[in-house]
Amino acid sequence: MFFRFIIIFLFFVVNLTASSQFTHPQYRQYTLRDGLSQMQVISMFQDSRGYIWAGTKKGLNCFNGDQINSFDEKDGLASSYIQKITEDFEGNIWVSTRKGFSRFNGKTWKSFSPENFFVGYVAPMPDGKVWYLAIDRNNKTIFGYLENDEFHDQLELLPELNNPDGAEIAYCKDSQTLIFHDRHNLFELKNGVVKKIHQAKENLYFELEDSVILVLETNQKDFVNLFEYEKGKLNELANIRNGRLIGVNKCTREFAFSPRFGGNPLYFINPDSLIINAFQEMHKSCFLTDTDGQLWIGTEEGLYRIQSNGFETYKREILPAIWSILEDSNQNIWFASYNYGLRKINGKSLTTFTVNDIEKYGLEKESQNMDLISTFIRLLINTELCIFHSTREF
């Protein structure tokens, strides 16, 4: 059976900021087909040239804007399992792997493997030293620096760590200080002296945001205390409980971080607001905001580049079988569907009107689908919008 159905095209651009619960983000996904060495991206970094580095469980990848170049043990890496990526002050790339540290000078790789090494991280300093904090396979701490390609053990400087396998190390350029943590205590190393500067009740870790080190104190499910490390002390920026700001927001610019609970949601906080995006459709492992403000997400399904200014796609379960769209005088967006009723989105919430709901407004029921289109045409007439009509046969 064939019948004629009216399709309505709107002669204007709809400007709608919809809740992320309704839409999929506009993104570009990079996979094996694009040259990615392996799909599980677990670490990311942008170097001083603007290249995006992505570490996987089976190789390191460098995206130069045109193509992805991959490296593994055959190229000289200590291991293909890439845990962390950073850059020293001469522009060399350093990676922490499951078997040691590797350095790339733009042409060749050179690797350094402490005896019985298991996991660890490096922090390059302006004086050419590359400090490292690691543990071996017997859970013993390894601490010191690399200079002129030789290890210099400095374990005598290190206090006892409560959780050495969760420890991380970083250099704060603004404060010219080396800092590290063991998931519960935050320490700084300056002029050969180690000092504890903070003790967390539960979990503590930091993230390097440009030249700023953000320190996060969290539990497993609902709170984040956010600090900025500066010159030997922590400046409190914000307290977040159950996804809401509590008290004063002291952020002076936008920061992005992940509290590492509940599916690793991404938090974006600025002087005016807090935005949380769980990106629930992605199995996230890491993220990066590049120098152009573009968000990159490393996942179990490859690398995603989120397009901040692109069109968003409404989820099919939210807006199924949509045939027509309009905006009313209150800036609500109405969607007419085939067999699924009318739906209205006001930017924050969704309201659904079934065919039975529509009948309450006194419209004659010609058929379920024709009734919806009739309703939609009357809405258009009431809002005095210019419309174009076309036909489609089935």
Foldseek 3Di string as FASTA:
>chain_A
DKDKDKFWDFPDDADFQADVVFFAFDWDFDAVVQPDPAQFFFEWDAFPLRWIWTAGQAWIWIHPPPGIDTDAVVQPEQGSHWHYWDAAPVGWIWTWGQFFIWIHPPPGIHTDGDPQFGGKDWEHAPVGWIWIWGAGPVRHIFTATAHPNDTDGDCVQDDDAPASHQKYWYAQPQQRWIWMHRQFWIWIADPNHIDTADGAPGGWDWDCDPNWIWIWHDHAAFKIFIWIDHNRYTHTAFIGGRRDTDDAGNAQAWDWDFPPHDQGWIWIDGNPDIDIDNSVVFNFNDWDQGPVRWIWTRGSRGIMTGDPPDDIGTDCVQPPAWRHWDAAPLRWIWTQHAQQAIWIDPNYDIDGQALVNLVVVVQDPPDSRVSSVVVVVVRCVVRVGDIDIDMDMD
